[in-house]
């Protein structure tokens, strides 16, 4: 069986048929332009493909000699020289230069504003215009109302408010006024509002006096949280117990909550001295000092109460009672009582 070779340039081109010239009326049609004959349509050229070859040739073997592939267009390289690379220092230099220029401009503007006092003059002018408008419309402070005040000084309240009659009510900042009021010792919380057209309304909650605190020889009044509400040892608060020493104000509530469990002893307490901010020495009104331990303070205090109930130890000639040891109690007697006991052979 003869193999068939199909090349990519192989085409079956039919032979052109010779056209027969019509002799009838040739001269007449030539002169007078007779009817023109339409050109014959060219038949499509048949193409051979491998699939068609197999389908037509049946069992004949087909050998494809050349690979059928379309030619790829290759772009021509663009003409022109290669661009030079940008130096690495150019971008950082531009950034630094821009930042430096902006800093110089801002510095110049700031210096001009400071020297000419533009901001101060502008603020003063705005305040003057605001005050003028407030006076025209009657928006000036004529009354300051305070509710909830008992021990706080009215003069101190007006002082921290920094307001006087005739000031523009629009110039009062309620939030800033509230913060200034809460710096006063007696005032725990405060609220400030403007009641148009001419009233400043203040509502305060005062701290409750809890104890007296002595530090560096000066005595003041503190609340339960240890905040100093008054730096004066006023006679009206002499009934309060006194705590002494650094840190005593912060631990006073913890101590008194424990002591109040035995009111019989607590009412006889005069001073509670904080020792190295670690433990307490309790001084009673009859001159007896009780040394409490750093740990197990509640148990030691209950033990003291039990001894007092059974032996009335605080009513005897005792100077100090040391409860810092967990397994025993040390008692120091007055000098006269100690001599008598030594002479009787009862050392204590």
C-alpha atoms as a PDB file:
ATOM      1  CA  UNK A   1       0.000   0.000   0.000  1.00  0.00           C
ATOM      2  CA  UNK A   2       1.511   3.307  -1.084  1.00  0.00           C
ATOM      3  CA  UNK A   3       1.909   5.892   1.749  1.00  0.00           C
ATOM      4  CA  UNK A   4       0.508   9.357   1.343  1.00  0.00           C
ATOM      5  CA  UNK A   5       2.605  12.296   2.429  1.00  0.00           C
ATOM      6  CA  UNK A   6       0.816  15.502   3.447  1.00  0.00           C
ATOM      7  CA  UNK A   7       2.897  18.628   3.536  1.00  0.00           C
ATOM      8  CA  UNK A   8       1.761  21.953   4.987  1.00  0.00           C
ATOM      9  CA  UNK A   9       2.176  23.582   1.587  1.00  0.00           C
ATOM     10  CA  UNK A  10       0.410  20.862  -0.333  1.00  0.00           C
ATOM     11  CA  UNK A  11      -2.799  22.030  -1.885  1.00  0.00           C
ATOM     12  CA  UNK A  12      -5.009  20.493  -4.486  1.00  0.00           C
ATOM     13  CA  UNK A  13      -5.521  23.220  -6.989  1.00  0.00           C
ATOM     14  CA  UNK A  14      -7.929  22.426  -9.793  1.00  0.00           C
ATOM     15  CA  UNK A  15      -6.936  23.330 -13.279  1.00  0.00           C
ATOM     16  CA  UNK A  16      -8.513  26.432 -14.746  1.00  0.00           C
ATOM     17  CA  UNK A  17     -10.949  25.650 -17.457  1.00  0.00           C
ATOM     18  CA  UNK A  18     -10.409  27.552 -20.718  1.00  0.00           C
ATOM     19  CA  UNK A  19     -13.142  30.102 -21.304  1.00  0.00           C
ATOM     20  CA  UNK A  20     -14.956  29.790 -24.572  1.00  0.00           C
ATOM     21  CA  UNK A  21     -15.332  33.003 -26.421  1.00  0.00           C
ATOM     22  CA  UNK A  22     -18.779  33.622 -27.756  1.00  0.00           C
ATOM     23  CA  UNK A  23     -18.646  34.474 -31.440  1.00  0.00           C
ATOM     24  CA  UNK A  24     -22.281  35.302 -31.784  1.00  0.00           C
ATOM     25  CA  UNK A  25     -22.707  38.983 -32.193  1.00  0.00           C
ATOM     26  CA  UNK A  26     -19.224  39.531 -31.042  1.00  0.00           C
ATOM     27  CA  UNK A  27     -18.615  42.670 -32.986  1.00  0.00           C
ATOM     28  CA  UNK A  28     -22.085  44.076 -32.321  1.00  0.00           C
ATOM     29  CA  UNK A  29     -21.840  43.423 -28.602  1.00  0.00           C
ATOM     30  CA  UNK A  30     -18.380  44.781 -28.543  1.00  0.00           C
ATOM     31  CA  UNK A  31     -19.431  48.033 -30.159  1.00  0.00           C
ATOM     32  CA  UNK A  32     -22.738  48.594 -28.418  1.00  0.00           C
ATOM     33  CA  UNK A  33     -21.772  46.996 -25.124  1.00  0.00           C
ATOM     34  CA  UNK A  34     -24.009  44.084 -24.872  1.00  0.00           C
ATOM     35  CA  UNK A  35     -24.882  42.274 -21.650  1.00  0.00           C
ATOM     36  CA  UNK A  36     -21.855  41.518 -19.586  1.00  0.00           C
ATOM     37  CA  UNK A  37     -21.343  37.996 -18.424  1.00  0.00           C
ATOM     38  CA  UNK A  38     -20.931  37.595 -14.643  1.00  0.00           C
ATOM     39  CA  UNK A  39     -17.541  36.232 -13.651  1.00  0.00           C
ATOM     40  CA  UNK A  40     -17.632  32.681 -12.500  1.00  0.00           C
ATOM     41  CA  UNK A  41     -17.252  32.146  -8.765  1.00  0.00           C
ATOM     42  CA  UNK A  42     -14.037  30.520  -7.752  1.00  0.00           C
ATOM     43  CA  UNK A  43     -14.538  27.311  -5.978  1.00  0.00           C
ATOM     44  CA  UNK A  44     -13.121  26.970  -2.525  1.00  0.00           C
ATOM     45  CA  UNK A  45      -9.842  25.189  -2.472  1.00  0.00           C
ATOM     46  CA  UNK A  46     -10.095  21.852  -0.757  1.00  0.00           C
ATOM     47  CA  UNK A  47      -7.802  21.304   2.185  1.00  0.00           C
ATOM     48  CA  UNK A  48      -6.553  18.060   3.466  1.00  0.00           C
ATOM     49  CA  UNK A  49      -6.418  17.296   7.161  1.00  0.00           C
ATOM     50  CA  UNK A  50      -5.243  14.274   9.018  1.00  0.00           C
ATOM     51  CA  UNK A  51      -8.794  13.493  10.250  1.00  0.00           C
ATOM     52  CA  UNK A  52     -10.215  13.868   6.798  1.00  0.00           C
ATOM     53  CA  UNK A  53      -7.445  11.749   5.362  1.00  0.00           C
ATOM     54  CA  UNK A  54      -8.182   8.939   7.742  1.00  0.00           C
ATOM     55  CA  UNK A  55     -11.896   9.135   7.099  1.00  0.00           C
ATOM     56  CA  UNK A  56     -11.516   9.167   3.327  1.00  0.00           C
ATOM     57  CA  UNK A  57      -8.679   6.755   2.895  1.00  0.00           C
ATOM     58  CA  UNK A  58     -10.091   4.155   5.204  1.00  0.00           C
ATOM     59  CA  UNK A  59      -7.446   1.644   6.042  1.00  0.00           C
ATOM     60  CA  UNK A  60      -4.685   3.429   4.156  1.00  0.00           C
ATOM     61  CA  UNK A  61      -1.732   4.460   6.249  1.00  0.00           C
ATOM     62  CA  UNK A  62      -1.005   8.163   6.360  1.00  0.00           C
ATOM     63  CA  UNK A  63       2.471   9.493   6.986  1.00  0.00           C
ATOM     64  CA  UNK A  64       2.744  13.148   7.998  1.00  0.00           C
ATOM     65  CA  UNK A  65       6.116  14.376   7.061  1.00  0.00           C
ATOM     66  CA  UNK A  66       6.115  17.935   8.353  1.00  0.00           C
ATOM     67  CA  UNK A  67       4.517  19.357  11.502  1.00  0.00           C
ATOM     68  CA  UNK A  68       1.588  21.591  10.784  1.00  0.00           C
ATOM     69  CA  UNK A  69       2.033  24.713  12.874  1.00  0.00           C
ATOM     70  CA  UNK A  70       1.322  28.386  12.516  1.00  0.00           C
ATOM     71  CA  UNK A  71       4.160  30.784  12.408  1.00  0.00           C
ATOM     72  CA  UNK A  72       4.533  32.910  15.522  1.00  0.00           C
ATOM     73  CA  UNK A  73       5.071  36.597  15.245  1.00  0.00           C
ATOM     74  CA  UNK A  74       8.095  37.797  17.059  1.00  0.00           C
ATOM     75  CA  UNK A  75       7.983  41.341  18.295  1.00  0.00           C
ATOM     76  CA  UNK A  76      10.896  43.371  17.290  1.00  0.00           C
ATOM     77  CA  UNK A  77      12.813  44.948  20.116  1.00  0.00           C
ATOM     78  CA  UNK A  78      11.982  48.567  20.653  1.00  0.00           C
ATOM     79  CA  UNK A  79      14.483  50.976  19.407  1.00  0.00           C
ATOM     80  CA  UNK A  80      16.051  53.479  21.711  1.00  0.00           C
ATOM     81  CA  UNK A  81      18.689  53.529  24.433  1.00  0.00           C
ATOM     82  CA  UNK A  82      18.177  51.943  27.897  1.00  0.00           C
ATOM     83  CA  UNK A  83      17.024  54.305  30.677  1.00  0.00           C
ATOM     84  CA  UNK A  84      19.632  55.094  33.243  1.00  0.00           C
ATOM     85  CA  UNK A  85      18.953  53.761  36.778  1.00  0.00           C
ATOM     86  CA  UNK A  86      17.878  56.266  39.437  1.00  0.00           C
ATOM     87  CA  UNK A  87      20.546  56.824  42.102  1.00  0.00           C
ATOM     88  CA  UNK A  88      19.697  55.221  45.461  1.00  0.00           C
ATOM     89  CA  UNK A  89      20.344  58.441  47.392  1.00  0.00           C
ATOM     90  CA  UNK A  90      17.841  60.551  45.471  1.00  0.00           C
ATOM     91  CA  UNK A  91      14.610  59.385  47.198  1.00  0.00           C
ATOM     92  CA  UNK A  92      15.906  59.705  50.819  1.00  0.00           C
ATOM     93  CA  UNK A  93      17.377  63.073  49.955  1.00  0.00           C
ATOM     94  CA  UNK A  94      14.046  64.319  48.601  1.00  0.00           C
ATOM     95  CA  UNK A  95      12.196  63.084  51.708  1.00  0.00           C
ATOM     96  CA  UNK A  96      14.682  64.693  54.088  1.00  0.00           C
ATOM     97  CA  UNK A  97      14.581  67.904  52.143  1.00  0.00           C
ATOM     98  CA  UNK A  98      10.769  68.000  52.231  1.00  0.00           C
ATOM     99  CA  UNK A  99      10.657  67.341  55.972  1.00  0.00           C
ATOM    100  CA  UNK A 100      13.266  69.998  56.615  1.00  0.00           C
ATOM    101  CA  UNK A 101      11.356  72.513  54.498  1.00  0.00           C
ATOM    102  CA  UNK A 102       8.084  71.812  56.336  1.00  0.00           C
ATOM    103  CA  UNK A 103       9.843  72.138  59.722  1.00  0.00           C
ATOM    104  CA  UNK A 104      11.336  75.486  58.720  1.00  0.00           C
ATOM    105  CA  UNK A 105       7.944  76.772  57.576  1.00  0.00           C
ATOM    106  CA  UNK A 106       6.187  75.651  60.761  1.00  0.00           C
ATOM    107  CA  UNK A 107       8.962  77.103  62.917  1.00  0.00           C
ATOM    108  CA  UNK A 108       8.744  80.417  61.128  1.00  0.00           C
ATOM    109  CA  UNK A 109       4.971  80.600  61.520  1.00  0.00           C
ATOM    110  CA  UNK A 110       5.184  79.671  65.213  1.00  0.00           C
ATOM    111  CA  UNK A 111       7.901  82.224  65.868  1.00  0.00           C
ATOM    112  CA  UNK A 112       5.848  84.905  64.149  1.00  0.00           C
ATOM    113  CA  UNK A 113       2.751  84.044  66.167  1.00  0.00           C
ATOM    114  CA  UNK A 114       4.678  84.053  69.456  1.00  0.00           C
ATOM    115  CA  UNK A 115       6.395  87.360  68.790  1.00  0.00           C
ATOM    116  CA  UNK A 116       3.253  89.105  67.668  1.00  0.00           C
ATOM    117  CA  UNK A 117       1.086  87.441  70.377  1.00  0.00           C
ATOM    118  CA  UNK A 118      -1.532  86.566  67.798  1.00  0.00           C
ATOM    119  CA  UNK A 119      -3.107  83.770  69.835  1.00  0.00           C
ATOM    120  CA  UNK A 120      -3.346  85.808  73.034  1.00  0.00           C
ATOM    121  CA  UNK A 121      -4.845  88.775  71.239  1.00  0.00           C
ATOM    122  CA  UNK A 122      -7.283  86.562  69.367  1.00  0.00           C
ATOM    123  CA  UNK A 123      -8.395  84.827  72.561  1.00  0.00           C
ATOM    124  CA  UNK A 124      -8.806  88.142  74.363  1.00  0.00           C
ATOM    125  CA  UNK A 125     -10.818  89.560  71.462  1.00  0.00           C
ATOM    126  CA  UNK A 126     -13.087  86.496  71.409  1.00  0.00           C
ATOM    127  CA  UNK A 127     -13.648  86.779  75.175  1.00  0.00           C
ATOM    128  CA  UNK A 128     -14.534  90.445  74.841  1.00  0.00           C
ATOM    129  CA  UNK A 129     -17.012  89.745  72.074  1.00  0.00           C
ATOM    130  CA  UNK A 130     -18.548  86.896  74.031  1.00  0.00           C
ATOM    131  CA  UNK A 131     -18.870  89.041  77.143  1.00  0.00           C
ATOM    132  CA  UNK A 132     -20.495  91.805  75.113  1.00  0.00           C
ATOM    133  CA  UNK A 133     -23.010  89.416  73.584  1.00  0.00           C
ATOM    134  CA  UNK A 134     -23.767  87.886  76.975  1.00  0.00           C
ATOM    135  CA  UNK A 135     -24.452  91.317  78.460  1.00  0.00           C
ATOM    136  CA  UNK A 136     -26.710  92.242  75.557  1.00  0.00           C
ATOM    137  CA  UNK A 137     -28.828  89.084  75.919  1.00  0.00           C
ATOM    138  CA  UNK A 138     -28.653  88.936  79.723  1.00  0.00           C
ATOM    139  CA  UNK A 139     -26.530  85.753  79.863  1.00  0.00           C
ATOM    140  CA  UNK A 140     -24.425  86.778  82.852  1.00  0.00           C
ATOM    141  CA  UNK A 141     -23.926  85.000  86.189  1.00  0.00           C
ATOM    142  CA  UNK A 142     -26.150  86.487  88.852  1.00  0.00           C
ATOM    143  CA  UNK A 143     -26.633  83.499  91.180  1.00  0.00           C
ATOM    144  CA  UNK A 144     -24.732  80.379  92.290  1.00  0.00           C
ATOM    145  CA  UNK A 145     -26.933  77.672  93.867  1.00  0.00           C
ATOM    146  CA  UNK A 146     -25.395  74.814  95.886  1.00  0.00           C
ATOM    147  CA  UNK A 147     -27.272  71.879  97.384  1.00  0.00           C
ATOM    148  CA  UNK A 148     -25.851  69.090  99.547  1.00  0.00           C
ATOM    149  CA  UNK A 149     -23.357  71.318 101.352  1.00  0.00           C
ATOM    150  CA  UNK A 150     -22.913  70.831 105.076  1.00  0.00           C
ATOM    151  CA  UNK A 151     -19.272  71.062 106.105  1.00  0.00           C
ATOM    152  CA  UNK A 152     -17.675  72.346 102.898  1.00  0.00           C
ATOM    153  CA  UNK A 153     -16.829  76.046 102.956  1.00  0.00           C
ATOM    154  CA  UNK A 154     -18.818  78.276 100.621  1.00  0.00           C
ATOM    155  CA  UNK A 155     -15.791  80.523 100.137  1.00  0.00           C
ATOM    156  CA  UNK A 156     -13.690  77.562  99.052  1.00  0.00           C
ATOM    157  CA  UNK A 157     -16.376  76.576  96.540  1.00  0.00           C
ATOM    158  CA  UNK A 158     -16.489  80.071  95.015  1.00  0.00           C
ATOM    159  CA  UNK A 159     -12.709  80.205  94.987  1.00  0.00           C
ATOM    160  CA  UNK A 160     -12.283  77.024  92.971  1.00  0.00           C
ATOM    161  CA  UNK A 161     -15.147  77.993  90.663  1.00  0.00           C
ATOM    162  CA  UNK A 162     -13.321  81.244  89.865  1.00  0.00           C
ATOM    163  CA  UNK A 163     -16.546  83.011  88.938  1.00  0.00           C
ATOM    164  CA  UNK A 164     -18.012  86.350  89.984  1.00  0.00           C
ATOM    165  CA  UNK A 165     -21.238  88.178  89.438  1.00  0.00           C
ATOM    166  CA  UNK A 166     -21.515  89.618  85.938  1.00  0.00           C
ATOM    167  CA  UNK A 167     -19.300  87.039  84.207  1.00  0.00           C
ATOM    168  CA  UNK A 168     -20.601  85.487  81.014  1.00  0.00           C
ATOM    169  CA  UNK A 169     -22.429  82.279  81.763  1.00  0.00           C
ATOM    170  CA  UNK A 170     -21.221  80.964  78.396  1.00  0.00           C
ATOM    171  CA  UNK A 171     -17.642  81.151  79.640  1.00  0.00           C
ATOM    172  CA  UNK A 172     -18.279  78.636  82.445  1.00  0.00           C
ATOM    173  CA  UNK A 173     -17.085  75.111  81.615  1.00  0.00           C
ATOM    174  CA  UNK A 174     -19.222  72.746  83.759  1.00  0.00           C
ATOM    175  CA  UNK A 175     -16.862  69.787  83.412  1.00  0.00           C
ATOM    176  CA  UNK A 176     -13.781  71.766  84.399  1.00  0.00           C
ATOM    177  CA  UNK A 177     -15.684  73.317  87.307  1.00  0.00           C
ATOM    178  CA  UNK A 178     -16.714  69.855  88.520  1.00  0.00           C
ATOM    179  CA  UNK A 179     -13.119  68.637  88.479  1.00  0.00           C
ATOM    180  CA  UNK A 180     -11.966  71.648  90.488  1.00  0.00           C
ATOM    181  CA  UNK A 181     -14.732  71.170  93.061  1.00  0.00           C
ATOM    182  CA  UNK A 182     -13.796  67.531  93.628  1.00  0.00           C
ATOM    183  CA  UNK A 183     -10.296  68.605  94.661  1.00  0.00           C
ATOM    184  CA  UNK A 184     -11.788  70.010  97.860  1.00  0.00           C
ATOM    185  CA  UNK A 185     -11.413  67.621 100.793  1.00  0.00           C
ATOM    186  CA  UNK A 186     -15.028  67.549 101.923  1.00  0.00           C
ATOM    187  CA  UNK A 187     -16.514  67.111  98.436  1.00  0.00           C
ATOM    188  CA  UNK A 188     -16.616  63.516  97.214  1.00  0.00           C
ATOM    189  CA  UNK A 189     -18.672  64.034  94.046  1.00  0.00           C
ATOM    190  CA  UNK A 190     -20.083  67.118  92.348  1.00  0.00           C
ATOM    191  CA  UNK A 191     -22.153  68.081  89.325  1.00  0.00           C
ATOM    192  CA  UNK A 192     -22.297  71.521  87.732  1.00  0.00           C
ATOM    193  CA  UNK A 193     -24.772  72.834  85.177  1.00  0.00           C
ATOM    194  CA  UNK A 194     -25.775  76.157  83.666  1.00  0.00           C
ATOM    195  CA  UNK A 195     -29.342  77.259  84.162  1.00  0.00           C
ATOM    196  CA  UNK A 196     -30.053  79.940  81.634  1.00  0.00           C
ATOM    197  CA  UNK A 197     -30.130  82.794  81.654  1.00  0.00           C
ATOM    198  CA  UNK A 198     -28.112  83.640  84.797  1.00  0.00           C
ATOM    199  CA  UNK A 199     -27.685  80.742  87.292  1.00  0.00           C
ATOM    200  CA  UNK A 200     -24.926  78.214  88.040  1.00  0.00           C
ATOM    201  CA  UNK A 201     -26.423  75.146  89.747  1.00  0.00           C
ATOM    202  CA  UNK A 202     -24.143  72.854  91.805  1.00  0.00           C
ATOM    203  CA  UNK A 203     -25.011  69.596  93.543  1.00  0.00           C
ATOM    204  CA  UNK A 204     -22.396  68.003  95.807  1.00  0.00           C
ATOM    205  CA  UNK A 205     -22.010  64.885  97.959  1.00  0.00           C
ATOM    206  CA  UNK A 206     -19.778  65.342 100.981  1.00  0.00           C
ATOM    207  CA  UNK A 207     -17.456  62.836 102.607  1.00  0.00           C
ATOM    208  CA  UNK A 208     -18.252  61.533 106.047  1.00  0.00           C
ATOM    209  CA  UNK A 209     -15.611  62.034 108.769  1.00  0.00           C
ATOM    210  CA  UNK A 210     -14.314  58.669 109.930  1.00  0.00           C
ATOM    211  CA  UNK A 211     -11.215  59.214 112.074  1.00  0.00           C
ATOM    212  CA  UNK A 212      -8.464  61.632 112.946  1.00  0.00           C
ATOM    213  CA  UNK A 213      -5.013  61.111 111.477  1.00  0.00           C
ATOM    214  CA  UNK A 214      -1.843  62.410 113.080  1.00  0.00           C
ATOM    215  CA  UNK A 215       1.265  62.663 110.920  1.00  0.00           C
ATOM    216  CA  UNK A 216       4.403  64.710 111.587  1.00  0.00           C
ATOM    217  CA  UNK A 217       2.818  66.219 114.671  1.00  0.00           C
ATOM    218  CA  UNK A 218      -0.221  67.557 112.755  1.00  0.00           C
ATOM    219  CA  UNK A 219      -3.718  66.131 113.096  1.00  0.00           C
ATOM    220  CA  UNK A 220      -6.490  66.232 110.505  1.00  0.00           C
ATOM    221  CA  UNK A 221      -9.747  64.481 109.695  1.00  0.00           C
ATOM    222  CA  UNK A 222      -9.998  61.618 107.184  1.00  0.00           C
ATOM    223  CA  UNK A 223     -12.876  59.679 105.672  1.00  0.00           C
ATOM    224  CA  UNK A 224     -13.207  55.905 105.466  1.00  0.00           C
ATOM    225  CA  UNK A 225     -10.988  55.654 102.383  1.00  0.00           C
ATOM    226  CA  UNK A 226      -8.179  57.605 104.042  1.00  0.00           C
ATOM    227  CA  UNK A 227      -8.682  60.865 102.139  1.00  0.00           C
ATOM    228  CA  UNK A 228      -7.953  63.972 104.194  1.00  0.00           C
ATOM    229  CA  UNK A 229     -11.149  66.012 104.397  1.00  0.00           C
ATOM    230  CA  UNK A 230      -9.812  68.626 106.788  1.00  0.00           C
ATOM    231  CA  UNK A 231      -6.277  69.530 107.800  1.00  0.00           C
ATOM    232  CA  UNK A 232      -7.462  71.042 111.075  1.00  0.00           C
ATOM    233  CA  UNK A 233      -8.070  69.159 114.306  1.00  0.00           C
ATOM    234  CA  UNK A 234     -11.436  70.726 114.920  1.00  0.00           C
ATOM    235  CA  UNK A 235     -13.138  70.362 118.291  1.00  0.00           C
ATOM    236  CA  UNK A 236     -16.274  69.044 116.610  1.00  0.00           C
ATOM    237  CA  UNK A 237     -14.407  65.845 115.643  1.00  0.00           C
ATOM    238  CA  UNK A 238     -12.561  65.107 118.874  1.00  0.00           C
ATOM    239  CA  UNK A 239     -14.905  62.208 119.515  1.00  0.00           C
ATOM    240  CA  UNK A 240     -13.377  60.280 116.612  1.00  0.00           C
ATOM    241  CA  UNK A 241     -10.597  57.737 117.271  1.00  0.00           C
ATOM    242  CA  UNK A 242      -7.132  58.768 116.221  1.00  0.00           C
ATOM    243  CA  UNK A 243      -4.647  56.859 114.107  1.00  0.00           C
ATOM    244  CA  UNK A 244      -0.980  57.807 114.117  1.00  0.00           C
ATOM    245  CA  UNK A 245       1.882  57.271 111.707  1.00  0.00           C
ATOM    246  CA  UNK A 246       2.580  56.850 107.983  1.00  0.00           C
ATOM    247  CA  UNK A 247       0.040  54.618 106.252  1.00  0.00           C
ATOM    248  CA  UNK A 248      -2.331  54.685 109.216  1.00  0.00           C
ATOM    249  CA  UNK A 249      -4.968  56.581 107.225  1.00  0.00           C
ATOM    250  CA  UNK A 250      -5.135  53.884 104.538  1.00  0.00           C
ATOM    251  CA  UNK A 251      -5.531  50.984 107.016  1.00  0.00           C
ATOM    252  CA  UNK A 252      -7.774  52.682 109.585  1.00  0.00           C
ATOM    253  CA  UNK A 253     -11.026  51.256 108.196  1.00  0.00           C
ATOM    254  CA  UNK A 254      -9.631  47.714 108.223  1.00  0.00           C
ATOM    255  CA  UNK A 255      -8.565  48.091 111.858  1.00  0.00           C
ATOM    256  CA  UNK A 256     -11.785  49.657 113.107  1.00  0.00           C
ATOM    257  CA  UNK A 257     -13.915  47.012 111.372  1.00  0.00           C
ATOM    258  CA  UNK A 258     -12.081  44.462 113.489  1.00  0.00           C
ATOM    259  CA  UNK A 259     -12.186  46.416 116.755  1.00  0.00           C
ATOM    260  CA  UNK A 260     -15.894  47.182 116.507  1.00  0.00           C
ATOM    261  CA  UNK A 261     -16.651  43.482 117.030  1.00  0.00           C
ATOM    262  CA  UNK A 262     -15.950  44.063 120.745  1.00  0.00           C
ATOM    263  CA  UNK A 263     -17.488  47.453 121.559  1.00  0.00           C
ATOM    264  CA  UNK A 264     -16.495  47.186 125.258  1.00  0.00           C
ATOM    265  CA  UNK A 265     -12.829  47.472 124.302  1.00  0.00           C
ATOM    266  CA  UNK A 266     -13.251  49.691 121.262  1.00  0.00           C
ATOM    267  CA  UNK A 267     -14.899  52.477 123.229  1.00  0.00           C
ATOM    268  CA  UNK A 268     -11.883  52.609 125.552  1.00  0.00           C
ATOM    269  CA  UNK A 269      -9.405  53.034 122.681  1.00  0.00           C
ATOM    270  CA  UNK A 270      -7.639  56.381 122.453  1.00  0.00           C
ATOM    271  CA  UNK A 271      -4.962  55.979 119.764  1.00  0.00           C
ATOM    272  CA  UNK A 272      -3.967  53.375 117.210  1.00  0.00           C
ATOM    273  CA  UNK A 273      -0.311  53.728 116.200  1.00  0.00           C
ATOM    274  CA  UNK A 274       0.868  52.249 112.923  1.00  0.00           C
ATOM    275  CA  UNK A 275       4.327  50.636 113.332  1.00  0.00           C
ATOM    276  CA  UNK A 276       6.464  50.625 110.166  1.00  0.00           C
ATOM    277  CA  UNK A 277       3.265  50.356 108.160  1.00  0.00           C
ATOM    278  CA  UNK A 278       3.059  46.677 109.133  1.00  0.00           C
ATOM    279  CA  UNK A 279       1.197  46.306 112.435  1.00  0.00           C
ATOM    280  CA  UNK A 280      -0.604  48.249 115.212  1.00  0.00           C
ATOM    281  CA  UNK A 281      -0.037  49.339 118.793  1.00  0.00           C
ATOM    282  CA  UNK A 282      -3.293  50.172 120.570  1.00  0.00           C
ATOM    283  CA  UNK A 283      -3.197  52.833 123.275  1.00  0.00           C
ATOM    284  CA  UNK A 284      -6.117  52.828 125.715  1.00  0.00           C
ATOM    285  CA  UNK A 285      -7.340  55.778 127.716  1.00  0.00           C
ATOM    286  CA  UNK A 286      -5.938  54.409 131.017  1.00  0.00           C
ATOM    287  CA  UNK A 287      -2.391  54.306 129.579  1.00  0.00           C
ATOM    288  CA  UNK A 288      -2.206  50.596 128.696  1.00  0.00           C
ATOM    289  CA  UNK A 289      -0.575  49.734 125.344  1.00  0.00           C
ATOM    290  CA  UNK A 290      -1.476  46.523 123.510  1.00  0.00           C
ATOM    291  CA  UNK A 291       1.004  45.245 120.908  1.00  0.00           C
ATOM    292  CA  UNK A 292      -0.845  43.439 118.116  1.00  0.00           C
ATOM    293  CA  UNK A 293       0.959  41.006 115.763  1.00  0.00           C
ATOM    294  CA  UNK A 294       1.450  41.556 112.043  1.00  0.00           C
ATOM    295  CA  UNK A 295      -0.498  38.393 111.214  1.00  0.00           C
ATOM    296  CA  UNK A 296      -3.378  36.896 113.139  1.00  0.00           C
ATOM    297  CA  UNK A 297      -4.530  40.282 114.400  1.00  0.00           C
ATOM    298  CA  UNK A 298      -8.169  39.252 114.806  1.00  0.00           C
ATOM    299  CA  UNK A 299      -7.296  36.183 116.892  1.00  0.00           C
ATOM    300  CA  UNK A 300      -5.038  38.273 119.151  1.00  0.00           C
ATOM    301  CA  UNK A 301      -7.778  40.858 119.626  1.00  0.00           C
ATOM    302  CA  UNK A 302     -10.318  38.168 120.592  1.00  0.00           C
ATOM    303  CA  UNK A 303      -7.787  36.707 123.021  1.00  0.00           C
ATOM    304  CA  UNK A 304      -7.381  40.105 124.664  1.00  0.00           C
ATOM    305  CA  UNK A 305     -11.138  40.404 125.016  1.00  0.00           C
ATOM    306  CA  UNK A 306     -11.313  36.967 126.657  1.00  0.00           C
ATOM    307  CA  UNK A 307      -8.583  37.905 129.177  1.00  0.00           C
ATOM    308  CA  UNK A 308     -10.354  41.150 129.924  1.00  0.00           C
ATOM    309  CA  UNK A 309     -13.626  39.356 130.583  1.00  0.00           C
ATOM    310  CA  UNK A 310     -11.998  36.737 132.819  1.00  0.00           C
ATOM    311  CA  UNK A 311      -9.264  38.725 134.612  1.00  0.00           C
ATOM    312  CA  UNK A 312      -9.963  42.395 133.913  1.00  0.00           C
ATOM    313  CA  UNK A 313      -6.375  42.765 132.776  1.00  0.00           C
ATOM    314  CA  UNK A 314      -6.788  46.305 131.462  1.00  0.00           C
ATOM    315  CA  UNK A 315      -7.942  47.470 134.904  1.00  0.00           C
ATOM    316  CA  UNK A 316      -4.823  46.258 136.693  1.00  0.00           C
ATOM    317  CA  UNK A 317      -1.395  47.852 137.146  1.00  0.00           C
ATOM    318  CA  UNK A 318      -0.348  46.960 133.615  1.00  0.00           C
ATOM    319  CA  UNK A 319       1.741  49.100 131.282  1.00  0.00           C
ATOM    320  CA  UNK A 320       1.838  46.919 128.152  1.00  0.00           C
ATOM    321  CA  UNK A 321       0.386  43.655 126.889  1.00  0.00           C
ATOM    322  CA  UNK A 322       2.358  41.937 124.134  1.00  0.00           C
ATOM    323  CA  UNK A 323       0.236  39.652 121.954  1.00  0.00           C
ATOM    324  CA  UNK A 324       2.766  39.166 119.149  1.00  0.00           C
ATOM    325  CA  UNK A 325       3.612  35.601 120.224  1.00  0.00           C
ATOM    326  CA  UNK A 326       1.063  33.054 119.134  1.00  0.00           C
ATOM    327  CA  UNK A 327       1.540  30.671 122.113  1.00  0.00           C
ATOM    328  CA  UNK A 328       1.880  33.084 125.054  1.00  0.00           C
ATOM    329  CA  UNK A 329       1.130  36.582 126.319  1.00  0.00           C
ATOM    330  CA  UNK A 330       3.701  38.924 127.813  1.00  0.00           C
ATOM    331  CA  UNK A 331       2.615  41.535 130.347  1.00  0.00           C
ATOM    332  CA  UNK A 332       4.648  44.475 131.575  1.00  0.00           C
ATOM    333  CA  UNK A 333       3.654  45.869 134.982  1.00  0.00           C
ATOM    334  CA  UNK A 334       4.144  49.294 136.447  1.00  0.00           C
ATOM    335  CA  UNK A 335       7.306  49.815 138.477  1.00  0.00           C
ATOM    336  CA  UNK A 336       5.619  49.851 141.885  1.00  0.00           C
ATOM    337  CA  UNK A 337       3.615  46.723 141.193  1.00  0.00           C
ATOM    338  CA  UNK A 338       6.674  44.970 139.795  1.00  0.00           C
ATOM    339  CA  UNK A 339       8.701  45.739 142.974  1.00  0.00           C
ATOM    340  CA  UNK A 340       5.959  44.419 145.221  1.00  0.00           C
ATOM    341  CA  UNK A 341       5.714  41.233 143.202  1.00  0.00           C
ATOM    342  CA  UNK A 342       9.466  40.721 143.265  1.00  0.00           C
ATOM    343  CA  UNK A 343       9.546  41.193 147.039  1.00  0.00           C
ATOM    344  CA  UNK A 344       6.714  38.690 147.418  1.00  0.00           C
ATOM    345  CA  UNK A 345       8.590  36.241 145.189  1.00  0.00           C
ATOM    346  CA  UNK A 346       6.101  36.421 142.387  1.00  0.00           C
ATOM    347  CA  UNK A 347       8.134  37.558 139.423  1.00  0.00           C
ATOM    348  CA  UNK A 348       6.134  38.487 136.425  1.00  0.00           C
END
